[in-house]
N, C-alpha and C. Protein backbone atom coordinates (compact mmCIF):
# COMPACT_ATOMS: atom_id res chain seq x y z
N MET A 1 102.25 132.58 -60.59
CA MET A 1 103.42 132.30 -61.39
C MET A 1 103.84 134.52 -61.10
N ASP A 2 104.84 134.11 -62.03
CA ASP A 2 105.60 135.27 -61.99
C ASP A 2 105.96 135.89 -63.01
N THR A 3 105.64 137.26 -63.89
CA THR A 3 105.21 137.26 -65.38
C THR A 3 106.70 138.46 -65.50
N LYS A 4 107.48 138.16 -67.00
CA LYS A 4 108.74 138.32 -66.98
C LYS A 4 108.79 140.05 -66.87
N ARG A 5 109.58 140.30 -66.68
CA ARG A 5 110.37 141.60 -66.74
C ARG A 5 111.19 141.41 -67.82
N THR A 6 111.55 142.90 -68.30
CA THR A 6 112.72 143.17 -68.90
C THR A 6 113.55 144.70 -68.14
N ASN A 7 115.01 144.08 -68.23
CA ASN A 7 115.55 144.14 -66.24
C ASN A 7 116.31 145.21 -67.73
N LYS A 8 116.25 146.55 -66.55
CA LYS A 8 115.85 147.96 -66.87
C LYS A 8 117.43 148.45 -66.91
N ASP A 9 117.97 148.49 -65.99
CA ASP A 9 119.57 149.20 -65.92
C ASP A 9 120.49 147.59 -66.59
N VAL A 10 120.05 146.81 -67.80
CA VAL A 10 120.74 146.31 -67.96
C VAL A 10 119.90 146.69 -69.41
N LEU A 11 119.16 146.64 -70.14
CA LEU A 11 118.65 147.57 -71.06
C LEU A 11 119.13 148.93 -71.68
N ILE A 12 119.34 149.87 -69.72
CA ILE A 12 120.13 151.17 -70.52
C ILE A 12 121.49 150.63 -71.09
N LYS A 13 121.99 149.89 -70.50
CA LYS A 13 123.62 149.67 -71.04
C LYS A 13 123.54 148.99 -72.30
N GLY A 14 122.37 148.51 -72.53
CA GLY A 14 122.44 148.24 -74.37
C GLY A 14 122.11 149.21 -75.09
N LEU A 15 121.37 150.21 -75.27
CA LEU A 15 121.40 151.31 -75.86
C LEU A 15 122.49 152.56 -75.64
N LYS A 16 122.37 152.08 -74.62
CA LYS A 16 124.47 153.90 -74.51
C LYS A 16 125.26 152.46 -75.78
N LYS A 17 125.04 151.59 -75.01
CA LYS A 17 126.64 150.51 -76.01
C LYS A 17 125.46 150.95 -77.87
N MET A 18 124.10 151.42 -78.39
CA MET A 18 123.97 151.33 -79.36
C MET A 18 123.89 153.06 -79.05
N GLY A 19 124.01 153.79 -79.21
CA GLY A 19 124.12 155.64 -79.13
C GLY A 19 125.55 155.73 -79.86
N LEU A 20 126.41 154.68 -79.01
CA LEU A 20 128.12 154.80 -79.51
C LEU A 20 128.02 154.21 -80.73
N SER A 21 127.64 153.28 -80.71
CA SER A 21 127.80 152.44 -82.25
C SER A 21 126.72 153.61 -83.31
N LEU A 22 125.88 153.91 -82.80
CA LEU A 22 125.66 154.72 -84.03
C LEU A 22 126.36 156.36 -83.98
N LEU A 23 127.45 156.64 -83.37
CA LEU A 23 128.25 157.49 -83.30
C LEU A 23 129.91 157.25 -83.65
N CYS A 24 129.95 155.03 -83.67
CA CYS A 24 131.08 155.25 -84.49
C CYS A 24 130.57 155.53 -85.98
N MET A 25 129.49 155.06 -86.67
CA MET A 25 128.76 154.46 -87.41
C MET A 25 129.30 156.12 -88.42
N PHE A 26 129.01 157.08 -87.48
CA PHE A 26 129.32 158.63 -88.59
C PHE A 26 130.72 158.56 -88.67
N LEU A 27 131.18 159.33 -87.68
CA LEU A 27 132.40 159.15 -87.47
C LEU A 27 133.58 158.22 -88.39
N GLY A 28 133.36 156.74 -88.40
CA GLY A 28 134.37 156.30 -88.78
C GLY A 28 134.53 156.58 -90.63
N PRO A 29 133.15 156.48 -91.32
CA PRO A 29 133.32 156.75 -92.61
C PRO A 29 133.63 158.35 -93.10
N THR A 30 133.48 159.31 -92.31
CA THR A 30 133.49 160.10 -92.80
C THR A 30 134.92 160.62 -91.93
N LEU A 31 136.02 159.71 -91.24
CA LEU A 31 137.71 160.00 -91.50
C LEU A 31 137.67 159.22 -92.44
N ILE A 32 137.44 157.99 -92.75
CA ILE A 32 138.12 157.21 -93.89
C ILE A 32 137.47 158.34 -95.51
N TYR A 33 136.57 159.38 -95.25
CA TYR A 33 136.96 160.26 -96.52
C TYR A 33 137.30 161.14 -96.38
N VAL A 34 138.02 161.94 -95.06
CA VAL A 34 138.78 162.82 -94.40
C VAL A 34 140.16 161.98 -95.50
N ALA A 35 141.03 161.02 -94.61
CA ALA A 35 141.61 160.23 -95.16
C ALA A 35 142.19 160.03 -96.61
N PHE A 36 141.23 160.18 -97.51
CA PHE A 36 141.31 158.93 -99.26
C PHE A 36 141.02 161.28 -99.64
N SER A 37 140.58 161.80 -99.04
CA SER A 37 140.94 163.28 -99.61
C SER A 37 141.42 163.51 -99.77
N ASN A 38 143.22 163.47 -99.31
CA ASN A 38 144.05 163.89 -99.30
C ASN A 38 145.32 162.40 -98.71
N GLN A 39 145.47 162.17 -98.98
CA GLN A 39 146.45 160.73 -99.57
C GLN A 39 147.18 161.66 -99.53
N GLU A 40 148.25 163.10 -99.46
CA GLU A 40 149.44 163.98 -100.45
C GLU A 40 149.38 163.73 -98.90
N LYS A 41 149.24 163.78 -97.48
CA LYS A 41 149.47 164.35 -96.86
C LYS A 41 150.00 163.48 -95.71
N PRO A 42 150.95 163.79 -95.37
CA PRO A 42 151.96 162.62 -93.68
C PRO A 42 150.68 161.94 -93.07
N LEU A 43 150.02 162.61 -92.09
CA LEU A 43 148.70 161.73 -91.93
C LEU A 43 147.29 160.84 -92.54
N TYR A 44 147.91 160.16 -93.43
CA TYR A 44 147.23 160.03 -94.28
C TYR A 44 146.91 158.31 -94.21
N ILE A 45 148.26 157.91 -94.30
CA ILE A 45 147.73 156.18 -93.08
C ILE A 45 147.49 156.59 -91.23
N PRO A 46 147.54 156.85 -90.82
CA PRO A 46 147.58 157.03 -89.37
C PRO A 46 146.08 157.32 -88.89
N ILE A 47 145.62 158.35 -89.60
CA ILE A 47 144.32 158.78 -90.00
C ILE A 47 142.95 157.51 -90.65
N LEU A 48 143.46 157.04 -91.71
CA LEU A 48 143.02 155.71 -91.70
C LEU A 48 142.87 154.81 -90.74
N ILE A 49 144.05 154.13 -90.74
CA ILE A 49 144.02 152.90 -90.01
C ILE A 49 142.84 152.56 -88.86
N VAL A 50 143.31 154.43 -87.80
CA VAL A 50 142.02 155.07 -86.55
C VAL A 50 140.39 154.95 -87.34
N ALA A 51 140.20 154.87 -88.38
CA ALA A 51 138.94 155.26 -89.41
C ALA A 51 138.27 154.07 -89.25
N ILE A 52 139.52 153.50 -89.64
CA ILE A 52 138.63 151.44 -89.80
C ILE A 52 138.42 151.15 -88.31
N LEU A 53 139.37 151.19 -87.58
CA LEU A 53 138.67 150.47 -86.35
C LEU A 53 137.94 151.21 -85.74
N ILE A 54 138.12 152.04 -86.04
CA ILE A 54 136.45 153.04 -85.45
C ILE A 54 134.79 152.34 -86.80
N CYS A 55 135.39 152.09 -87.04
CA CYS A 55 134.47 151.29 -88.14
C CYS A 55 133.85 149.96 -87.40
N VAL A 56 135.48 149.33 -87.11
CA VAL A 56 135.07 147.30 -86.46
C VAL A 56 134.60 147.51 -85.45
N LEU A 57 134.68 148.84 -84.35
CA LEU A 57 134.29 148.62 -82.85
C LEU A 57 132.70 149.38 -83.34
N ALA A 58 132.10 149.95 -84.74
CA ALA A 58 130.72 150.58 -84.30
C ALA A 58 130.06 148.84 -85.03
N VAL A 59 130.71 148.07 -85.42
CA VAL A 59 129.66 147.13 -85.38
C VAL A 59 130.21 146.03 -84.64
N TYR A 60 130.43 145.93 -83.63
CA TYR A 60 131.10 145.02 -82.57
C TYR A 60 130.24 145.98 -81.82
N LEU A 61 129.75 147.07 -81.15
CA LEU A 61 129.26 147.70 -80.11
C LEU A 61 128.12 147.15 -80.98
N ALA A 62 127.62 147.37 -82.40
CA ALA A 62 125.60 146.84 -83.00
C ALA A 62 125.35 146.14 -82.05
N PHE A 63 125.96 144.63 -82.33
CA PHE A 63 126.22 143.42 -82.25
C PHE A 63 125.98 143.60 -80.62
N ASN A 64 127.06 143.89 -79.91
CA ASN A 64 127.44 143.71 -78.13
C ASN A 64 125.69 144.66 -77.65
N GLY A 65 125.57 145.69 -78.40
CA GLY A 65 124.37 146.56 -78.00
C GLY A 65 122.38 145.65 -78.57
N LEU A 66 123.39 144.87 -79.43
CA LEU A 66 121.59 143.80 -79.46
C LEU A 66 121.27 142.87 -78.65
N LYS A 67 122.80 142.42 -78.39
CA LYS A 67 122.70 141.51 -77.22
C LYS A 67 122.11 141.20 -75.84
N THR A 68 123.13 142.88 -75.72
CA THR A 68 122.48 143.27 -74.09
C THR A 68 120.84 143.61 -74.14
N ILE A 69 120.41 144.01 -75.19
CA ILE A 69 119.44 144.41 -74.82
C ILE A 69 118.30 143.04 -74.83
N MET A 70 118.60 142.39 -75.86
CA MET A 70 118.20 141.10 -75.61
C MET A 70 118.21 139.89 -74.74
N ASP A 71 119.71 140.42 -74.30
CA ASP A 71 119.84 139.65 -72.77
C ASP A 71 119.19 139.70 -71.96
N SER A 72 118.23 141.82 -71.23
CA SER A 72 117.64 142.39 -71.10
C SER A 72 116.28 141.75 -70.93
N MET A 73 115.37 141.69 -72.13
CA MET A 73 114.27 141.46 -71.96
C MET A 73 114.03 140.11 -71.65
N PHE A 74 115.40 138.88 -72.71
CA PHE A 74 114.61 137.34 -72.72
C PHE A 74 115.61 136.63 -71.62
N ASP A 75 116.33 137.31 -70.81
CA ASP A 75 117.31 135.87 -70.34
C ASP A 75 116.14 136.20 -68.74
N LYS A 76 116.76 134.99 -67.97
CA LYS A 76 116.05 134.46 -66.55
C LYS A 76 116.69 135.29 -65.46
N PRO A 77 115.98 136.00 -65.30
CA PRO A 77 116.54 136.62 -63.58
C PRO A 77 118.23 136.36 -62.57
N SER A 78 118.82 136.47 -62.71
CA SER A 78 120.31 135.85 -62.29
C SER A 78 120.33 135.33 -60.37
N SER A 79 119.25 137.21 -59.85
CA SER A 79 118.98 136.33 -58.62
C SER A 79 118.41 135.38 -58.39
N LYS A 80 117.49 134.72 -58.48
CA LYS A 80 116.66 133.65 -58.18
C LYS A 80 117.53 132.41 -58.77
N LYS A 81 117.24 131.57 -58.25
CA LYS A 81 118.25 130.23 -57.35
C LYS A 81 117.19 129.11 -58.14
N ALA A 82 117.42 128.32 -59.11
CA ALA A 82 117.07 127.19 -59.71
C ALA A 82 116.36 126.51 -58.63
N SER A 83 115.62 125.43 -57.71
CA SER A 83 115.29 124.78 -57.14
C SER A 83 114.50 123.49 -57.44
C-alpha cells in the first residue's frame, strides 16, 4: 500500500505564487493611496488603473496559489496509470 506524499515541486510553485500574491497585496493598496493623494497630477488615472489591476492580480494569485498547494497535497500522482 502506497502512502500519499506531498509533491514538493508543485508545493514550491504554490508557495512562489503565494509570495507574489503577498507582494501584490502590499503594492496594490499602496499605489491606490498614492493615486488618491495626487489627484491633481496627470498620471492619476493610469496609476489608479495599474493599482486596481495589481489588487485583482493579488486575489487571483492567492486563489491560484492555494489551489496549487492543495493539489500538491491531495491530488493523485499523474505518473501512475490507473488499472
